[in-house]
């Protein structure tokens, strides 16, 4: 099945809705049945039927089918946020007394789930540098049930060798979960390397327009039914049908957007790497990235997310740089049509030394999300802002 078919036709049974080219938005929360027997049959399998929108909805189901196909998965569940997708996958995989191994620098809410919330229920986590498969293997215990990966992460872009880690985990009965938000389904396929479950913040590249918050979890249907019966239906962190409709719209242009932002990001990264006021650039597809060879082997392409460290004495230099930007909006999140700048300094007191760290991230780090603007425009804006440092 080719990419164009998935994005434009898969799951869109147009003969069922008057031949409309765009799928309908079925906003209904509830569905009616002609007989008790029909109601009974559908109540027994909400995963695959339209019974109540908290479980399944026709508009959401079209999105599920497309995302599953893009990831090469049997099925997909869609959530109200990426954090909800990760949390549901983790909660469905562990019980009291179990142990989790996680990458050292995961998404902040993944860390909060594992480090702050789950210990209240007797689930412990070891955070390791998962760039080394040996370190992961050494961290596994007889009680380890889950390995949480994020390749690459979205601040300093460490990768993991997914095939090697799947080979470590699977014989030991350890389930693997990979956050694939950075690469999108187009540029990396963790399931093909032996990973069990793949999560996305669909807010980012899948949506791509900065107007919806959502998440996705892809994998074997048996595992997803386990998630569905447990945290998905119990906690109800679902998307609205309108959110799903917006995500379907975003998918239409995903290949075009990914190619454009990745090409521009590589130009921006090269410019920044050569600038005297930039201490360091993090971007997996730069030849200088320490895991560049793994990025080329494991990923089909880059994305628009990169980070730089400003050469300055304290975060006031970072503030001058960011305040001078005119084509980058200062904001959290990433993956949209618009270019964004997110300074770590915004989460630290004014005057903090540039050598200080916020957790494991340098105080002088600024993350850039490259959008669809012309490369020369963005580079010129960065150049004039660096002059203020």
Protein backbone atom coordinates (compact mmCIF):
# COMPACT_ATOMS: atom_id res chain seq x y z
CA UNK A 1 0.00 0.00 0.00
CA UNK A 2 1.61 3.27 -1.06
CA UNK A 3 1.85 6.50 0.93
CA UNK A 4 -0.42 8.47 -1.40
CA UNK A 5 -3.14 5.85 -1.04
CA UNK A 6 -2.91 5.90 2.76
CA UNK A 7 -3.11 9.69 3.00
CA UNK A 8 -5.79 10.25 0.39
CA UNK A 9 -8.00 7.16 0.26
CA UNK A 10 -7.49 4.54 2.99
CA UNK A 11 -10.51 4.27 5.28
CA UNK A 12 -12.53 6.81 3.31
CA UNK A 13 -15.60 4.90 2.17
CA UNK A 14 -17.02 7.79 0.20
CA UNK A 15 -19.99 5.83 -1.10
CA UNK A 16 -21.28 5.76 2.50
CA UNK A 17 -21.36 9.55 2.79
CA UNK A 18 -22.73 10.89 -0.47
CA UNK A 19 -19.45 10.81 -2.38
CA UNK A 20 -17.99 13.66 -0.34
CA UNK A 21 -14.27 14.07 -1.08
CA UNK A 22 -13.44 15.09 2.50
CA UNK A 23 -14.71 12.72 5.21
CA UNK A 24 -17.62 13.93 7.32
CA UNK A 25 -17.24 15.17 10.87
CA UNK A 26 -19.50 12.84 12.87
CA UNK A 27 -19.71 14.84 16.07
CA UNK A 28 -22.25 12.53 17.70
CA UNK A 29 -21.41 11.29 21.18
CA UNK A 30 -23.89 8.43 20.97
CA UNK A 31 -25.11 5.80 18.49
CA UNK A 32 -28.55 4.10 18.22
CA UNK A 33 -29.39 0.48 17.45
CA UNK A 34 -32.45 -1.04 15.73
CA UNK A 35 -32.67 -4.07 18.03
CA UNK A 36 -31.52 -5.29 21.42
CA UNK A 37 -29.48 -7.97 19.66
CA UNK A 38 -27.59 -5.33 17.66
CA UNK A 39 -26.95 -3.25 20.77
CA UNK A 40 -25.72 -6.31 22.66
CA UNK A 41 -23.34 -7.30 19.86
CA UNK A 42 -21.75 -3.87 19.60
CA UNK A 43 -21.55 -3.35 23.37
CA UNK A 44 -19.39 -6.47 23.49
CA UNK A 45 -16.69 -4.94 21.27
CA UNK A 46 -16.47 -1.17 21.52
CA UNK A 47 -12.89 -1.33 20.20
CA UNK A 48 -14.19 -2.23 16.76
CA UNK A 49 -17.74 -0.85 16.76
CA UNK A 50 -19.47 2.51 17.16
CA UNK A 51 -21.26 2.31 20.49
CA UNK A 52 -20.26 5.47 22.36
CA UNK A 53 -17.67 8.01 21.22
CA UNK A 54 -15.54 7.55 24.33
CA UNK A 55 -14.65 4.19 22.81
CA UNK A 56 -14.84 4.63 19.04
CA UNK A 57 -16.23 7.13 16.55
CA UNK A 58 -16.42 6.91 12.73
CA UNK A 59 -14.31 10.03 12.14
CA UNK A 60 -11.73 8.90 14.69
CA UNK A 61 -11.72 5.44 13.13
CA UNK A 62 -10.64 6.80 9.73
CA UNK A 63 -7.71 8.48 11.46
CA UNK A 64 -6.87 5.28 13.35
CA UNK A 65 -6.66 3.32 10.12
CA UNK A 66 -4.41 5.85 8.43
CA UNK A 67 -2.00 6.21 11.36
CA UNK A 68 -1.76 2.45 11.78
CA UNK A 69 -0.93 2.05 8.10
CA UNK A 70 1.68 4.80 8.22
CA UNK A 71 3.41 3.04 11.14
CA UNK A 72 3.05 -0.41 9.59
CA UNK A 73 0.93 -1.41 12.59
CA UNK A 74 -2.14 -3.61 12.95
CA UNK A 75 -4.09 -0.86 14.68
CA UNK A 76 -3.96 2.50 16.44
CA UNK A 77 -5.65 4.28 19.32
CA UNK A 78 -5.98 8.07 19.30
CA UNK A 79 -5.84 10.11 22.52
CA UNK A 80 -6.50 13.63 23.72
CA UNK A 81 -2.74 14.32 23.97
CA UNK A 82 0.63 12.70 23.41
CA UNK A 83 1.12 12.54 27.18
CA UNK A 84 -2.11 10.53 27.44
CA UNK A 85 -0.91 8.06 24.80
CA UNK A 86 2.38 7.49 26.65
CA UNK A 87 0.64 7.24 30.03
CA UNK A 88 -1.92 4.73 28.79
CA UNK A 89 0.76 2.53 27.24
CA UNK A 90 2.81 2.59 30.44
CA UNK A 91 -0.13 2.02 32.81
CA UNK A 92 -1.36 -0.92 30.74
CA UNK A 93 2.10 -2.50 30.90
CA UNK A 94 2.90 -2.42 34.63
CA UNK A 95 1.50 -3.43 38.01
CA UNK A 96 2.55 -2.76 41.60
CA UNK A 97 6.06 -4.06 42.21
CA UNK A 98 7.13 -3.81 38.57
CA UNK A 99 10.18 -1.99 37.24
CA UNK A 100 10.59 0.27 34.18
CA UNK A 101 13.76 1.29 32.35
CA UNK A 102 13.59 4.64 30.54
CA UNK A 103 15.91 6.83 28.49
CA UNK A 104 17.78 9.42 30.50
CA UNK A 105 16.13 12.52 29.04
CA UNK A 106 12.55 11.72 28.03
CA UNK A 107 9.75 14.19 27.41
CA UNK A 108 9.08 16.07 30.64
CA UNK A 109 5.62 14.58 31.25
CA UNK A 110 6.91 11.08 30.59
CA UNK A 111 9.50 11.68 33.30
CA UNK A 112 6.85 13.01 35.68
CA UNK A 113 4.70 9.96 35.11
CA UNK A 114 7.57 7.58 35.81
CA UNK A 115 9.43 9.50 38.51
CA UNK A 116 6.60 11.16 40.44
CA UNK A 117 3.26 9.42 39.85
CA UNK A 118 3.94 5.71 39.45
CA UNK A 119 6.11 5.35 42.60
CA UNK A 120 2.89 6.07 44.54
CA UNK A 121 1.68 2.72 43.17
CA UNK A 122 4.93 0.80 43.83
CA UNK A 123 6.26 1.00 40.27
CA UNK A 124 9.91 2.03 40.07
CA UNK A 125 11.96 3.40 37.17
CA UNK A 126 15.65 3.50 36.31
CA UNK A 127 16.72 6.22 33.88
CA UNK A 128 19.72 5.26 31.74
CA UNK A 129 21.81 6.50 28.83
CA UNK A 130 20.13 4.28 26.27
CA UNK A 131 22.58 5.21 23.53
CA UNK A 132 24.53 2.25 24.91
CA UNK A 133 22.58 -1.02 24.69
CA UNK A 134 24.87 -2.46 27.35
CA UNK A 135 23.71 0.16 29.85
CA UNK A 136 20.11 -0.76 29.19
CA UNK A 137 20.83 -4.46 29.57
CA UNK A 138 22.64 -3.82 32.87
CA UNK A 139 19.63 -1.87 34.20
CA UNK A 140 17.16 -4.68 33.56
CA UNK A 141 16.01 -6.67 36.57
CA UNK A 142 13.78 -9.74 36.94
CA UNK A 143 10.95 -7.29 37.68
CA UNK A 144 11.44 -5.11 34.58
CA UNK A 145 8.31 -5.10 32.46
CA UNK A 146 8.77 -2.08 30.18
CA UNK A 147 11.51 -0.22 28.31
CA UNK A 148 10.56 3.36 27.38
CA UNK A 149 12.47 4.90 24.48
CA UNK A 150 12.39 8.26 22.70
CA UNK A 151 14.54 8.32 19.60
CA UNK A 152 15.62 10.97 19.25
CA UNK A 153 14.54 13.03 22.23
CA UNK A 154 13.40 16.55 21.52
CA UNK A 155 15.90 18.81 23.29
CA UNK A 156 19.39 17.33 22.84
CA UNK A 157 18.47 14.65 20.30
CA UNK A 158 20.08 11.49 21.65
CA UNK A 159 19.12 8.43 19.59
CA UNK A 160 18.83 4.79 20.55
CA UNK A 161 19.63 1.78 18.38
CA UNK A 162 16.08 0.45 18.24
CA UNK A 163 16.89 -2.94 16.74
CA UNK A 164 19.62 -3.60 19.30
CA UNK A 165 17.39 -2.64 22.22
CA UNK A 166 14.46 -4.69 20.93
CA UNK A 167 16.84 -7.65 20.74
CA UNK A 168 17.82 -7.05 24.38
CA UNK A 169 14.25 -6.63 25.65
CA UNK A 170 12.17 -9.20 23.76
CA UNK A 171 13.88 -12.43 24.93
CA UNK A 172 13.46 -11.22 28.52
CA UNK A 173 9.75 -10.58 28.11
CA UNK A 174 10.22 -6.81 28.45
CA UNK A 175 7.74 -4.74 26.44
CA UNK A 176 9.18 -1.82 24.44
CA UNK A 177 7.56 1.57 23.84
CA UNK A 178 9.09 4.24 21.59
CA UNK A 179 8.04 7.89 21.31
CA UNK A 180 8.38 8.56 17.56
CA UNK A 181 7.13 12.16 17.57
CA UNK A 182 10.36 13.74 16.30
CA UNK A 183 10.65 11.61 13.17
CA UNK A 184 6.92 11.21 12.42
CA UNK A 185 5.73 7.94 10.86
CA UNK A 186 7.25 9.03 7.55
CA UNK A 187 10.87 9.10 8.69
CA UNK A 188 11.18 6.24 11.18
CA UNK A 189 9.40 2.92 11.69
CA UNK A 190 10.18 1.56 15.18
CA UNK A 191 7.90 -1.48 14.74
CA UNK A 192 10.07 -2.62 11.83
CA UNK A 193 13.03 -2.75 14.24
CA UNK A 194 11.14 -4.97 16.69
CA UNK A 195 9.64 -2.31 19.00
CA UNK A 196 6.25 -3.33 20.45
CA UNK A 197 4.38 -0.01 20.74
CA UNK A 198 4.92 3.38 19.08
CA UNK A 199 3.58 6.65 20.47
CA UNK A 200 3.18 10.08 18.90
CA UNK A 201 2.33 13.54 20.04
CA UNK A 202 -0.02 14.07 17.10
CA UNK A 203 -0.10 17.74 18.11
CA UNK A 204 3.23 18.07 16.32
CA UNK A 205 3.88 17.01 12.71
CA UNK A 206 0.77 14.87 12.27
CA UNK A 207 -1.49 17.86 12.99
CA UNK A 208 0.97 20.42 11.74
CA UNK A 209 -1.23 23.51 12.06
CA UNK A 210 -0.95 24.45 15.74
CA UNK A 211 -4.68 24.05 16.33
CA UNK A 212 -5.17 20.62 17.90
CA UNK A 213 -3.72 18.65 20.83
CA UNK A 214 -3.77 14.86 20.39
CA UNK A 215 -1.75 11.67 20.71
CA UNK A 216 -1.56 8.26 19.06
CA UNK A 217 -0.45 4.77 20.03
CA UNK A 218 0.26 2.18 17.32
CA UNK A 219 1.05 -1.52 17.54
CA UNK A 220 -0.37 -5.04 17.49
CA UNK A 221 -4.12 -5.15 17.97
CA UNK A 222 -3.81 -7.55 20.92
CA UNK A 223 -1.71 -5.03 22.85
CA UNK A 224 -3.95 -2.12 21.88
CA UNK A 225 -7.05 -4.01 23.02
CA UNK A 226 -5.28 -4.43 26.36
CA UNK A 227 -4.72 -0.66 26.51
CA UNK A 228 -8.32 -0.06 25.37
CA UNK A 229 -9.87 -2.28 28.06
CA UNK A 230 -7.77 -0.62 30.74
CA UNK A 231 -6.62 3.01 30.80
CA UNK A 232 -8.20 4.10 27.50
CA UNK A 233 -11.80 3.41 28.48
CA UNK A 234 -11.27 3.90 32.21
CA UNK A 235 -9.55 7.30 32.10
CA UNK A 236 -11.30 8.62 28.98
CA UNK A 237 -8.42 10.73 27.61
CA UNK A 238 -9.89 10.73 24.11
CA UNK A 239 -9.88 13.20 21.21
CA UNK A 240 -13.06 14.82 20.02
CA UNK A 241 -14.29 13.88 16.52
CA UNK A 242 -13.44 17.44 15.48
CA UNK A 243 -9.85 16.96 16.64
CA UNK A 244 -9.66 13.77 14.56
CA UNK A 245 -11.05 15.63 11.55
CA UNK A 246 -8.36 18.31 11.93
CA UNK A 247 -5.67 15.62 12.14
CA UNK A 248 -6.98 14.01 8.95
CA UNK A 249 -6.64 17.39 7.26
CA UNK A 250 -3.08 17.70 8.57
CA UNK A 251 -2.10 14.28 7.23
CA UNK A 252 -2.86 15.34 3.64
CA UNK A 253 0.21 17.59 3.57
CA UNK A 254 2.49 15.68 5.97
CA UNK A 255 5.03 14.56 3.32
CA UNK A 256 5.29 18.05 1.84
CA UNK A 257 5.69 19.69 5.24
CA UNK A 258 8.26 17.18 6.48
CA UNK A 259 10.43 17.54 3.39
CA UNK A 260 10.30 21.33 3.51
CA UNK A 261 11.00 21.80 7.21
CA UNK A 262 13.79 19.17 7.23
CA UNK A 263 15.56 20.76 4.26
CA UNK A 264 15.34 24.21 5.85
CA UNK A 265 16.41 22.90 9.27
CA UNK A 266 19.59 21.43 7.81
CA UNK A 267 20.46 24.79 6.24
CA UNK A 268 19.71 26.62 9.48
CA UNK A 269 21.74 24.13 11.52
CA UNK A 270 24.74 24.50 9.21
CA UNK A 271 24.53 28.29 9.46
CA UNK A 272 24.34 28.21 13.25
CA UNK A 273 27.17 25.70 13.59
CA UNK A 274 29.51 28.09 11.75
CA UNK A 275 28.49 31.19 13.75
CA UNK A 276 31.00 32.45 16.36
CA UNK A 277 28.27 33.27 18.89
CA UNK A 278 26.92 29.74 18.86
CA UNK A 279 28.59 27.32 21.24
CA UNK A 280 26.95 24.14 19.96
CA UNK A 281 24.20 22.88 17.66
CA UNK A 282 22.20 19.68 18.18
CA UNK A 283 20.67 18.19 15.02
CA UNK A 284 20.87 14.46 14.18
CA UNK A 285 21.35 15.02 10.46
CA UNK A 286 24.37 17.27 10.85
CA UNK A 287 27.57 15.29 10.17
CA UNK A 288 28.96 16.61 13.47
CA UNK A 289 26.22 14.92 15.52
CA UNK A 290 27.84 12.06 17.48
CA UNK A 291 25.14 9.63 16.32
CA UNK A 292 24.91 10.85 12.75
CA UNK A 293 25.63 7.39 11.31
CA UNK A 294 22.82 5.85 13.39
CA UNK A 295 20.45 8.62 12.29
CA UNK A 296 21.18 7.85 8.63
CA UNK A 297 20.79 4.11 9.19
CA UNK A 298 17.61 4.23 11.28
CA UNK A 299 15.74 7.24 9.93
CA UNK A 300 14.59 8.00 6.40
CA UNK A 301 14.95 11.76 6.90
CA UNK A 302 15.24 14.58 9.38
CA UNK A 303 12.66 16.91 10.85
CA UNK A 304 12.47 20.60 11.61
CA UNK A 305 13.54 20.49 15.27
CA UNK A 306 17.03 21.50 16.44
CA UNK A 307 18.72 23.19 19.38
CA UNK A 308 21.58 25.63 19.81
CA UNK A 309 23.59 26.83 22.77
CA UNK A 310 24.28 30.57 22.82
CA UNK A 311 27.87 31.57 23.65
CA UNK A 312 27.27 33.92 26.58
CA UNK A 313 28.09 34.37 30.28
CA UNK A 314 24.56 34.21 31.63
CA UNK A 315 21.03 33.84 30.35
CA UNK A 316 20.69 37.57 29.69
CA UNK A 317 22.52 36.87 26.42
CA UNK A 318 19.90 34.25 25.59
CA UNK A 319 17.18 36.75 26.44
CA UNK A 320 18.63 39.37 24.10
CA UNK A 321 18.83 36.80 21.30
CA UNK A 322 15.27 35.54 21.73
CA UNK A 323 13.73 38.97 22.30
CA UNK A 324 15.28 40.16 19.02
CA UNK A 325 13.77 37.38 16.90
CA UNK A 326 11.06 38.59 14.54
CA UNK A 327 10.27 35.54 12.38
CA UNK A 328 10.29 33.01 15.23
CA UNK A 329 7.44 33.03 17.72
CA UNK A 330 8.53 32.39 21.30
CA UNK A 331 6.52 29.39 22.40
CA UNK A 332 6.56 25.80 23.61
CA UNK A 333 5.60 22.86 21.40
CA UNK A 334 6.81 22.34 17.82
CA UNK A 335 6.01 20.72 14.51
CA UNK A 336 3.69 23.30 12.96
CA UNK A 337 3.83 25.49 9.87
CA UNK A 338 5.20 28.35 11.97
CA UNK A 339 8.78 28.67 13.26
CA UNK A 340 9.17 28.73 17.04
CA UNK A 341 11.90 29.41 19.60
CA UNK A 342 11.81 27.93 23.10
CA UNK A 343 14.59 29.12 25.47
CA UNK A 344 15.37 27.02 28.54
CA UNK A 345 16.19 30.37 30.17
CA UNK A 346 12.46 31.09 30.36
CA UNK A 347 12.21 28.39 33.04
CA UNK A 348 15.16 29.70 35.10
CA UNK A 349 15.69 32.84 37.19
CA UNK A 350 17.05 35.91 35.41
CA UNK A 351 20.83 36.13 35.66
CA UNK A 352 21.40 32.36 35.82
CA UNK A 353 24.85 31.38 34.61
CA UNK A 354 25.01 30.00 31.08
CA UNK A 355 26.95 27.05 32.51
CA UNK A 356 24.05 26.11 34.80
CA UNK A 357 21.59 23.40 33.89
CA UNK A 358 17.84 22.94 34.08
CA UNK A 359 17.79 19.26 34.92
CA UNK A 360 20.15 17.82 32.32
CA UNK A 361 19.72 20.62 29.80
CA UNK A 362 22.11 23.61 29.52
CA UNK A 363 20.71 26.98 30.61
CA UNK A 364 21.89 28.57 27.35
CA UNK A 365 20.01 26.11 25.13
CA UNK A 366 17.35 27.40 22.76
CA UNK A 367 15.21 24.94 20.82
CA UNK A 368 14.08 25.97 17.36
CA UNK A 369 11.16 24.46 15.48
CA UNK A 370 11.60 25.26 11.81
CA UNK A 371 8.37 25.88 9.93
CA UNK A 372 7.54 26.49 6.29
CA UNK A 373 9.11 29.93 5.85
CA UNK A 374 11.87 30.52 3.31
CA UNK A 375 15.30 29.45 4.62
CA UNK A 376 16.94 32.79 3.81
CA UNK A 377 14.31 34.66 5.80
CA UNK A 378 14.87 32.52 8.90
CA UNK A 379 18.67 32.64 8.62
CA UNK A 380 18.63 36.42 8.27
CA UNK A 381 16.45 36.70 11.36
CA UNK A 382 18.77 34.45 13.37
CA UNK A 383 21.79 36.44 12.18
CA UNK A 384 20.40 39.77 13.33
CA UNK A 385 19.32 38.28 16.66
CA UNK A 386 22.78 36.77 17.26
CA UNK A 387 24.25 40.24 16.71
CA UNK A 388 22.42 41.30 19.90
CA UNK A 389 24.18 38.67 22.01
